[in-house]
Amino acid sequence: SCVASGRTFSSYAMGWFRQAPGKDRDFVATINWSGGVRYYADS
């Protein structure tokens, strides 16, 4: 879970990324403001 505060949350695109030791920070998933558009890493 990721809880947001401080601005209008509904206007933001949100993403998840991950970083393993010795690795780059990689894209995992993202979602638009309405939740209707979602993208995922192939992995």
All heavy atoms as atom14 arrays in JSON, in Angstrom:
{
  "sequence": "SCVASGRTFSSYAMGWFRQAPGKDRDFVATINWSGGVRYYADS",
  "atom14_mask": [
    [1, 1, 1, 1, 1, 1, 0, 0, 0, 0, 0, 0, 0, 0],
    [1, 1, 1, 1, 1, 1, 0, 0, 0, 0, 0, 0, 0, 0],
    [1, 1, 1, 1, 1, 1, 1, 0, 0, 0, 0, 0, 0, 0],
    [1, 1, 1, 1, 1, 0, 0, 0, 0, 0, 0, 0, 0, 0],
    [1, 1, 1, 1, 1, 1, 0, 0, 0, 0, 0, 0, 0, 0],
    [1, 1, 1, 1, 0, 0, 0, 0, 0, 0, 0, 0, 0, 0],
    [1, 1, 1, 1, 1, 1, 1, 1, 1, 1, 1, 0, 0, 0],
    [1, 1, 1, 1, 1, 1, 1, 0, 0, 0, 0, 0, 0, 0],
    [1, 1, 1, 1, 1, 1, 1, 1, 1, 1, 1, 0, 0, 0],
    [1, 1, 1, 1, 1, 1, 0, 0, 0, 0, 0, 0, 0, 0],
    [1, 1, 1, 1, 1, 1, 0, 0, 0, 0, 0, 0, 0, 0],
    [1, 1, 1, 1, 1, 1, 1, 1, 1, 1, 1, 1, 0, 0],
    [1, 1, 1, 1, 1, 0, 0, 0, 0, 0, 0, 0, 0, 0],
    [1, 1, 1, 1, 1, 1, 1, 1, 0, 0, 0, 0, 0, 0],
    [1, 1, 1, 1, 0, 0, 0, 0, 0, 0, 0, 0, 0, 0],
    [1, 1, 1, 1, 1, 1, 1, 1, 1, 1, 1, 1, 1, 1],
    [1, 1, 1, 1, 1, 1, 1, 1, 1, 1, 1, 0, 0, 0],
    [1, 1, 1, 1, 1, 1, 1, 1, 1, 1, 1, 0, 0, 0],
    [1, 1, 1, 1, 1, 1, 1, 1, 1, 0, 0, 0, 0, 0],
    [1, 1, 1, 1, 1, 0, 0, 0, 0, 0, 0, 0, 0, 0],
    [1, 1, 1, 1, 1, 1, 1, 0, 0, 0, 0, 0, 0, 0],
    [1, 1, 1, 1, 0, 0, 0, 0, 0, 0, 0, 0, 0, 0],
    [1, 1, 1, 1, 1, 1, 1, 1, 1, 0, 0, 0, 0, 0],
    [1, 1, 1, 1, 1, 1, 1, 1, 0, 0, 0, 0, 0, 0],
    [1, 1, 1, 1, 1, 1, 1, 1, 1, 1, 1, 0, 0, 0],
    [1, 1, 1, 1, 1, 1, 1, 1, 0, 0, 0, 0, 0, 0],
    [1, 1, 1, 1, 1, 1, 1, 1, 1, 1, 1, 0, 0, 0],
    [1, 1, 1, 1, 1, 1, 1, 0, 0, 0, 0, 0, 0, 0],
    [1, 1, 1, 1, 1, 0, 0, 0, 0, 0, 0, 0, 0, 0],
    [1, 1, 1, 1, 1, 1, 1, 0, 0, 0, 0, 0, 0, 0],
    [1, 1, 1, 1, 1, 1, 1, 1, 0, 0, 0, 0, 0, 0],
    [1, 1, 1, 1, 1, 1, 1, 1, 0, 0, 0, 0, 0, 0],
    [1, 1, 1, 1, 1, 1, 1, 1, 1, 1, 1, 1, 1, 1],
    [1, 1, 1, 1, 1, 1, 0, 0, 0, 0, 0, 0, 0, 0],
    [1, 1, 1, 1, 0, 0, 0, 0, 0, 0, 0, 0, 0, 0],
    [1, 1, 1, 1, 0, 0, 0, 0, 0, 0, 0, 0, 0, 0],
    [1, 1, 1, 1, 1, 1, 1, 0, 0, 0, 0, 0, 0, 0],
    [1, 1, 1, 1, 1, 1, 1, 1, 1, 1, 1, 0, 0, 0],
    [1, 1, 1, 1, 1, 1, 1, 1, 1, 1, 1, 1, 0, 0],
    [1, 1, 1, 1, 1, 1, 1, 1, 1, 1, 1, 1, 0, 0],
    [1, 1, 1, 1, 1, 0, 0, 0, 0, 0, 0, 0, 0, 0],
    [1, 1, 1, 1, 1, 1, 1, 1, 0, 0, 0, 0, 0, 0],
    [1, 1, 1, 1, 1, 1, 0, 0, 0, 0, 0, 0, 0, 0]
  ],
  "atom14_positions": [
    [[0.84, -1.19, 0.0], [0.0, 0.0, 0.0], [0.88, 1.24, 0.0], [1.98, 1.23, 0.55], [-0.91, 0.03, 1.23], [-1.79, -1.07, 1.25], [0.0, 0.0, 0.0], [0.0, 0.0, 0.0], [0.0, 0.0, 0.0], [0.0, 0.0, 0.0], [0.0, 0.0, 0.0], [0.0, 0.0, 0.0], [0.0, 0.0, 0.0], [0.0, 0.0, 0.0]],
    [[0.37, 2.3, -0.6], [1.05, 3.59, -0.62], [0.01, 4.66, -0.35], [-0.91, 4.84, -1.16], [1.74, 3.82, -1.97], [2.46, 5.45, -2.19], [0.0, 0.0, 0.0], [0.0, 0.0, 0.0], [0.0, 0.0, 0.0], [0.0, 0.0, 0.0], [0.0, 0.0, 0.0], [0.0, 0.0, 0.0], [0.0, 0.0, 0.0], [0.0, 0.0, 0.0]],
    [[0.17, 5.37, 0.75], [-0.77, 6.41, 1.15], [-0.15, 7.77, 0.83], [0.99, 8.05, 1.21], [-1.12, 6.32, 2.64], [-2.07, 7.43, 3.03], [-1.74, 4.96, 2.94], [0.0, 0.0, 0.0], [0.0, 0.0, 0.0], [0.0, 0.0, 0.0], [0.0, 0.0, 0.0], [0.0, 0.0, 0.0], [0.0, 0.0, 0.0], [0.0, 0.0, 0.0]],
    [[-0.91, 8.62, 0.14], [-0.45, 9.93, -0.27], [-1.13, 11.03, 0.52], [-2.29, 10.91, 0.91], [-0.7, 10.14, -1.76], [0.0, 0.0, 0.0], [0.0, 0.0, 0.0], [0.0, 0.0, 0.0], [0.0, 0.0, 0.0], [0.0, 0.0, 0.0], [0.0, 0.0, 0.0], [0.0, 0.0, 0.0], [0.0, 0.0, 0.0], [0.0, 0.0, 0.0]],
    [[-0.41, 12.12, 0.73], [-0.96, 13.29, 1.38], [-0.25, 14.54, 0.87], [0.84, 14.45, 0.31], [-0.84, 13.2, 2.9], [0.53, 13.15, 3.29], [0.0, 0.0, 0.0], [0.0, 0.0, 0.0], [0.0, 0.0, 0.0], [0.0, 0.0, 0.0], [0.0, 0.0, 0.0], [0.0, 0.0, 0.0], [0.0, 0.0, 0.0], [0.0, 0.0, 0.0]],
    [[-0.88, 15.7, 1.05], [-0.24, 16.96, 0.74], [-0.68, 17.64, -0.55], [-0.46, 18.83, -0.7], [0.0, 0.0, 0.0], [0.0, 0.0, 0.0], [0.0, 0.0, 0.0], [0.0, 0.0, 0.0], [0.0, 0.0, 0.0], [0.0, 0.0, 0.0], [0.0, 0.0, 0.0], [0.0, 0.0, 0.0], [0.0, 0.0, 0.0], [0.0, 0.0, 0.0]],
    [[-1.28, 16.9, -1.46], [-1.78, 17.45, -2.72], [-3.06, 16.71, -3.1], [-3.56, 15.88, -2.35], [-0.74, 17.34, -3.83], [0.48, 18.23, -3.66], [0.14, 19.69, -3.84], [-0.14, 20.01, -5.24], [-0.61, 21.18, -5.66], [-0.88, 22.14, -4.78], [-0.83, 21.38, -6.95], [0.0, 0.0, 0.0], [0.0, 0.0, 0.0], [0.0, 0.0, 0.0]],
    [[-3.57, 17.03, -4.28], [-4.78, 16.37, -4.79], [-4.39, 15.04, -5.4], [-3.93, 14.97, -6.54], [-5.5, 17.25, -5.81], [-5.8, 18.52, -5.22], [-6.81, 16.6, -6.25], [0.0, 0.0, 0.0], [0.0, 0.0, 0.0], [0.0, 0.0, 0.0], [0.0, 0.0, 0.0], [0.0, 0.0, 0.0], [0.0, 0.0, 0.0], [0.0, 0.0, 0.0]],
    [[-4.58, 13.96, -4.65], [-4.14, 12.65, -5.06], [-4.76, 12.21, -6.37], [-4.1, 11.58, -7.21], [-4.43, 11.63, -3.95], [-4.13, 10.21, -4.31], [-2.82, 9.76, -4.35], [-5.15, 9.32, -4.59], [-2.54, 8.45, -4.67], [-4.88, 8.01, -4.91], [-3.57, 7.58, -4.95], [0.0, 0.0, 0.0], [0.0, 0.0, 0.0], [0.0, 0.0, 0.0]],
    [[-6.02, 12.52, -6.59], [-6.73, 12.02, -7.77], [-6.18, 12.56, -9.08], [-6.46, 12.0, -10.14], [-8.22, 12.33, -7.66], [-8.45, 13.72, -7.59], [0.0, 0.0, 0.0], [0.0, 0.0, 0.0], [0.0, 0.0, 0.0], [0.0, 0.0, 0.0], [0.0, 0.0, 0.0], [0.0, 0.0, 0.0], [0.0, 0.0, 0.0], [0.0, 0.0, 0.0]],
    [[-5.38, 13.63, -9.05], [-4.82, 14.2, -10.26], [-3.47, 13.59, -10.64], [-2.91, 13.96, -11.67], [-4.67, 15.71, -10.12], [-3.67, 16.03, -9.17], [0.0, 0.0, 0.0], [0.0, 0.0, 0.0], [0.0, 0.0, 0.0], [0.0, 0.0, 0.0], [0.0, 0.0, 0.0], [0.0, 0.0, 0.0], [0.0, 0.0, 0.0], [0.0, 0.0, 0.0]],
    [[-2.96, 12.66, -9.86], [-1.62, 12.1, -10.05], [-1.67, 10.74, -10.72], [-2.49, 9.89, -10.38], [-0.9, 11.96, -8.71], [-0.34, 13.24, -8.16], [-1.16, 14.19, -7.56], [1.02, 13.49, -8.24], [-0.64, 15.37, -7.06], [1.56, 14.66, -7.73], [0.73, 15.59, -7.14], [1.26, 16.75, -6.63], [0.0, 0.0, 0.0], [0.0, 0.0, 0.0]],
    [[-0.75, 10.54, -11.67], [-0.39, 9.19, -12.07], [0.5, 8.59, -10.98], [1.34, 9.29, -10.41], [0.33, 9.19, -13.41], [0.0, 0.0, 0.0], [0.0, 0.0, 0.0], [0.0, 0.0, 0.0], [0.0, 0.0, 0.0], [0.0, 0.0, 0.0], [0.0, 0.0, 0.0], [0.0, 0.0, 0.0], [0.0, 0.0, 0.0], [0.0, 0.0, 0.0]],
    [[0.31, 7.31, -10.71], [1.05, 6.64, -9.65], [1.81, 5.46, -10.22], [1.32, 4.77, -11.12], [0.12, 6.16, -8.55], [-0.74, 7.24, -7.92], [0.24, 8.46, -7.0], [0.93, 7.43, -5.71], [0.0, 0.0, 0.0], [0.0, 0.0, 0.0], [0.0, 0.0, 0.0], [0.0, 0.0, 0.0], [0.0, 0.0, 0.0], [0.0, 0.0, 0.0]],
    [[2.99, 5.21, -9.69], [3.81, 4.11, -10.16], [4.45, 3.34, -9.02], [4.61, 3.85, -7.91], [0.0, 0.0, 0.0], [0.0, 0.0, 0.0], [0.0, 0.0, 0.0], [0.0, 0.0, 0.0], [0.0, 0.0, 0.0], [0.0, 0.0, 0.0], [0.0, 0.0, 0.0], [0.0, 0.0, 0.0], [0.0, 0.0, 0.0], [0.0, 0.0, 0.0]],
    [[4.81, 2.1, -9.32], [5.62, 1.27, -8.43], [6.91, 0.91, -9.14], [6.9, 0.51, -10.32], [4.88, -0.02, -8.04], [3.78, 0.17, -7.05], [2.45, 0.25, -7.31], [3.92, 0.27, -5.63], [1.74, 0.4, -6.14], [2.62, 0.42, -5.1], [5.01, 0.25, -4.76], [2.38, 0.55, -3.73], [4.78, 0.38, -3.4], [3.47, 0.53, -2.9]],
    [[8.02, 1.05, -8.43], [9.34, 0.69, -8.92], [10.03, -0.17, -7.88], [9.63, -0.2, -6.71], [10.17, 1.95, -9.2], [9.64, 2.77, -10.33], [8.57, 3.62, -10.16], [10.22, 2.69, -11.6], [8.07, 4.37, -11.2], [9.73, 3.44, -12.65], [8.65, 4.28, -12.46], [0.0, 0.0, 0.0], [0.0, 0.0, 0.0], [0.0, 0.0, 0.0]],
    [[11.06, -0.89, -8.3], [11.8, -1.71, -7.35], [13.28, -1.67, -7.66], [13.7, -1.49, -8.8], [11.29, -3.15, -7.35], [11.52, -3.91, -8.65], [10.8, -5.26, -8.6], [11.04, -6.06, -9.79], [10.45, -7.21, -10.04], [9.57, -7.71, -9.17], [10.73, -7.88, -11.15], [0.0, 0.0, 0.0], [0.0, 0.0, 0.0], [0.0, 0.0, 0.0]],
    [[14.08, -1.86, -6.62], [15.52, -1.83, -6.75], [16.14, -2.91, -5.88], [15.97, -2.91, -4.66], [16.08, -0.45, -6.37], [17.56, -0.28, -6.66], [18.0, 1.16, -6.57], [17.34, 1.99, -5.94], [19.11, 1.48, -7.2], [0.0, 0.0, 0.0], [0.0, 0.0, 0.0], [0.0, 0.0, 0.0], [0.0, 0.0, 0.0], [0.0, 0.0, 0.0]],
    [[16.84, -3.83, -6.52], [17.57, -4.89, -5.84], [19.02, -4.46, -5.65], [19.52, -3.6, -6.39], [17.49, -6.19, -6.63], [0.0, 0.0, 0.0], [0.0, 0.0, 0.0], [0.0, 0.0, 0.0], [0.0, 0.0, 0.0], [0.0, 0.0, 0.0], [0.0, 0.0, 0.0], [0.0, 0.0, 0.0], [0.0, 0.0, 0.0], [0.0, 0.0, 0.0]],
    [[19.74, -5.06, -4.69], [21.14, -4.7, -4.49], [21.96, -4.85, -5.76], [21.89, -5.88, -6.44], [21.6, -5.68, -3.41], [20.36, -6.03, -2.66], [19.28, -6.05, -3.7], [0.0, 0.0, 0.0], [0.0, 0.0, 0.0], [0.0, 0.0, 0.0], [0.0, 0.0, 0.0], [0.0, 0.0, 0.0], [0.0, 0.0, 0.0], [0.0, 0.0, 0.0]],
    [[22.72, -3.82, -6.11], [23.55, -3.84, -7.28], [22.82, -3.68, -8.6], [23.43, -3.82, -9.66], [0.0, 0.0, 0.0], [0.0, 0.0, 0.0], [0.0, 0.0, 0.0], [0.0, 0.0, 0.0], [0.0, 0.0, 0.0], [0.0, 0.0, 0.0], [0.0, 0.0, 0.0], [0.0, 0.0, 0.0], [0.0, 0.0, 0.0], [0.0, 0.0, 0.0]],
    [[21.52, -3.37, -8.55], [20.71, -3.24, -9.75], [20.16, -1.82, -9.88], [20.15, -1.05, -8.93], [19.55, -4.22, -9.73], [19.94, -5.67, -9.54], [20.67, -6.22, -10.73], [20.95, -7.7, -10.57], [21.67, -8.26, -11.74], [0.0, 0.0, 0.0], [0.0, 0.0, 0.0], [0.0, 0.0, 0.0], [0.0, 0.0, 0.0], [0.0, 0.0, 0.0]],
    [[19.71, -1.49, -11.09], [19.03, -0.22, -11.32], [17.63, -0.25, -10.71], [17.09, -1.31, -10.41], [18.92, 0.06, -12.82], [20.24, 0.25, -13.5], [21.18, 0.74, -12.85], [20.34, -0.06, -14.71], [0.0, 0.0, 0.0], [0.0, 0.0, 0.0], [0.0, 0.0, 0.0], [0.0, 0.0, 0.0], [0.0, 0.0, 0.0], [0.0, 0.0, 0.0]],
    [[17.07, 0.94, -10.56], [15.68, 1.03, -10.13], [14.78, 0.77, -11.34], [14.79, 1.53, -12.31], [15.39, 2.41, -9.53], [13.99, 2.54, -8.97], [13.83, 3.81, -8.14], [14.68, 3.8, -6.96], [14.62, 4.71, -5.99], [13.75, 5.7, -6.06], [15.45, 4.63, -4.96], [0.0, 0.0, 0.0], [0.0, 0.0, 0.0], [0.0, 0.0, 0.0]],
    [[14.01, -0.31, -11.28], [13.25, -0.79, -12.43], [11.76, -0.51, -12.28], [11.2, -0.56, -11.19], [13.43, -2.3, -12.62], [14.83, -2.67, -13.05], [15.49, -1.85, -13.72], [15.27, -3.79, -12.75], [0.0, 0.0, 0.0], [0.0, 0.0, 0.0], [0.0, 0.0, 0.0], [0.0, 0.0, 0.0], [0.0, 0.0, 0.0], [0.0, 0.0, 0.0]],
    [[11.13, -0.28, -13.41], [9.69, -0.09, -13.48], [8.96, -1.38, -13.16], [9.36, -2.46, -13.59], [9.31, 0.39, -14.88], [7.84, 0.33, -15.18], [6.98, 1.25, -14.62], [7.33, -0.63, -16.02], [5.62, 1.21, -14.89], [5.98, -0.69, -16.29], [5.13, 0.24, -15.73], [0.0, 0.0, 0.0], [0.0, 0.0, 0.0], [0.0, 0.0, 0.0]],
    [[7.87, -1.28, -12.4], [7.03, -2.42, -12.07], [5.63, -2.24, -12.64], [5.13, -3.09, -13.39], [6.94, -2.65, -10.56], [5.98, -3.79, -10.23], [8.33, -2.96, -9.99], [0.0, 0.0, 0.0], [0.0, 0.0, 0.0], [0.0, 0.0, 0.0], [0.0, 0.0, 0.0], [0.0, 0.0, 0.0], [0.0, 0.0, 0.0], [0.0, 0.0, 0.0]],
    [[4.96, -1.14, -12.29], [3.59, -0.91, -12.73], [3.25, 0.56, -12.58], [3.85, 1.27, -11.77], [2.6, -1.76, -11.93], [0.0, 0.0, 0.0], [0.0, 0.0, 0.0], [0.0, 0.0, 0.0], [0.0, 0.0, 0.0], [0.0, 0.0, 0.0], [0.0, 0.0, 0.0], [0.0, 0.0, 0.0], [0.0, 0.0, 0.0], [0.0, 0.0, 0.0]],
    [[2.25, 1.02, -13.33], [1.78, 2.4, -13.22], [0.29, 2.44, -13.51], [-0.25, 1.55, -14.18], [2.56, 3.34, -14.15], [2.18, 4.7, -13.92], [2.3, 2.99, -15.62], [0.0, 0.0, 0.0], [0.0, 0.0, 0.0], [0.0, 0.0, 0.0], [0.0, 0.0, 0.0], [0.0, 0.0, 0.0], [0.0, 0.0, 0.0], [0.0, 0.0, 0.0]],
    [[-0.37, 3.49, -13.03], [-1.82, 3.64, -13.17], [-2.16, 5.11, -13.3], [-1.55, 5.96, -12.65], [-2.54, 2.98, -11.97], [-4.06, 2.94, -12.17], [-2.18, 3.7, -10.67], [-4.76, 2.05, -11.14], [0.0, 0.0, 0.0], [0.0, 0.0, 0.0], [0.0, 0.0, 0.0], [0.0, 0.0, 0.0], [0.0, 0.0, 0.0], [0.0, 0.0, 0.0]],
    [[-3.13, 5.43, -14.17], [-3.5, 6.82, -14.37], [-4.47, 7.29, -13.27], [-4.86, 6.53, -12.39], [-4.1, 7.02, -15.77], [-5.55, 6.58, -15.86], [-5.92, 5.54, -15.32], [-6.36, 7.37, -16.54], [0.0, 0.0, 0.0], [0.0, 0.0, 0.0], [0.0, 0.0, 0.0], [0.0, 0.0, 0.0], [0.0, 0.0, 0.0], [0.0, 0.0, 0.0]],
    [[-4.88, 8.55, -13.37], [-5.65, 9.17, -12.29], [-6.98, 8.47, -12.03], [-7.43, 8.4, -10.88], [-5.89, 10.64, -12.59], [-6.84, 10.88, -13.74], [-6.51, 11.0, -15.06], [-8.26, 11.02, -13.67], [-7.66, 11.2, -15.82], [-8.74, 11.22, -14.98], [-9.19, 11.01, -12.61], [-10.09, 11.4, -15.28], [-10.54, 11.18, -12.91], [-10.97, 11.37, -14.23]],
    [[-7.62, 7.96, -13.07], [-8.93, 7.34, -12.93], [-8.85, 5.84, -12.66], [-9.86, 5.22, -12.3], [-9.77, 7.57, -14.17], [-9.26, 6.85, -15.28], [0.0, 0.0, 0.0], [0.0, 0.0, 0.0], [0.0, 0.0, 0.0], [0.0, 0.0, 0.0], [0.0, 0.0, 0.0], [0.0, 0.0, 0.0], [0.0, 0.0, 0.0], [0.0, 0.0, 0.0]],
    [[-7.68, 5.26, -12.85], [-7.52, 3.82, -12.71], [-7.83, 3.03, -13.95], [-7.71, 1.8, -13.95], [0.0, 0.0, 0.0], [0.0, 0.0, 0.0], [0.0, 0.0, 0.0], [0.0, 0.0, 0.0], [0.0, 0.0, 0.0], [0.0, 0.0, 0.0], [0.0, 0.0, 0.0], [0.0, 0.0, 0.0], [0.0, 0.0, 0.0], [0.0, 0.0, 0.0]],
    [[-8.21, 3.71, -15.05], [-8.61, 3.02, -16.25], [-7.47, 2.59, -17.16], [-7.69, 1.77, -18.06], [0.0, 0.0, 0.0], [0.0, 0.0, 0.0], [0.0, 0.0, 0.0], [0.0, 0.0, 0.0], [0.0, 0.0, 0.0], [0.0, 0.0, 0.0], [0.0, 0.0, 0.0], [0.0, 0.0, 0.0], [0.0, 0.0, 0.0], [0.0, 0.0, 0.0]],
    [[-6.28, 3.14, -16.97], [-5.12, 2.8, -17.78], [-4.03, 2.28, -16.86], [-3.63, 2.97, -15.92], [-4.6, 4.01, -18.58], [-3.36, 3.64, -19.38], [-5.69, 4.54, -19.5], [0.0, 0.0, 0.0], [0.0, 0.0, 0.0], [0.0, 0.0, 0.0], [0.0, 0.0, 0.0], [0.0, 0.0, 0.0], [0.0, 0.0, 0.0], [0.0, 0.0, 0.0]],
    [[-3.56, 1.07, -17.14], [-2.53, 0.44, -16.32], [-1.49, -0.21, -17.21], [-1.83, -0.84, -18.22], [-3.15, -0.62, -15.4], [-4.13, -0.06, -14.37], [-4.87, -1.18, -13.66], [-5.72, -1.92, -14.59], [-6.95, -1.55, -14.94], [-7.48, -0.44, -14.44], [-7.65, -2.28, -15.79], [0.0, 0.0, 0.0], [0.0, 0.0, 0.0], [0.0, 0.0, 0.0]],
    [[-0.22, -0.08, -16.84], [0.88, -0.71, -17.55], [1.71, -1.52, -16.56], [1.84, -1.15, -15.39], [1.78, 0.32, -18.22], [1.11, 1.19, -19.26], [1.29, 2.57, -19.26], [0.3, 0.64, -20.25], [0.7, 3.37, -20.21], [-0.31, 1.44, -21.2], [-0.11, 2.8, -21.18], [-0.7, 3.59, -22.13], [0.0, 0.0, 0.0], [0.0, 0.0, 0.0]],
    [[2.28, -2.62, -17.06], [3.1, -3.5, -16.23], [4.39, -3.85, -16.94], [4.44, -3.95, -18.17], [2.36, -4.8, -15.93], [1.09, -4.63, -15.14], [-0.14, -4.5, -15.77], [1.11, -4.61, -13.74], [-1.31, -4.35, -15.05], [-0.05, -4.46, -13.01], [-1.26, -4.33, -13.67], [-2.41, -4.18, -12.94], [0.0, 0.0, 0.0], [0.0, 0.0, 0.0]],
    [[5.43, -4.05, -16.16], [6.65, -4.64, -16.7], [6.36, -6.07, -17.13], [5.56, -6.78, -16.51], [7.76, -4.62, -15.66], [0.0, 0.0, 0.0], [0.0, 0.0, 0.0], [0.0, 0.0, 0.0], [0.0, 0.0, 0.0], [0.0, 0.0, 0.0], [0.0, 0.0, 0.0], [0.0, 0.0, 0.0], [0.0, 0.0, 0.0], [0.0, 0.0, 0.0]],
    [[7.03, -6.51, -18.2], [6.81, -7.87, -18.68], [7.1, -8.92, -17.6], [6.45, -9.96, -17.55], [7.69, -8.15, -19.9], [7.22, -7.41, -21.14], [6.05, -6.96, -21.17], [8.02, -7.28, -22.08], [0.0, 0.0, 0.0], [0.0, 0.0, 0.0], [0.0, 0.0, 0.0], [0.0, 0.0, 0.0], [0.0, 0.0, 0.0], [0.0, 0.0, 0.0]],
    [[8.04, -8.63, -16.73], [8.45, -9.6, -15.72], [7.38, -9.85, -14.66], [7.45, -10.86, -13.96], [9.74, -9.14, -15.04], [9.58, -7.88, -14.43], [0.0, 0.0, 0.0], [0.0, 0.0, 0.0], [0.0, 0.0, 0.0], [0.0, 0.0, 0.0], [0.0, 0.0, 0.0], [0.0, 0.0, 0.0], [0.0, 0.0, 0.0], [0.0, 0.0, 0.0]]
  ]
}
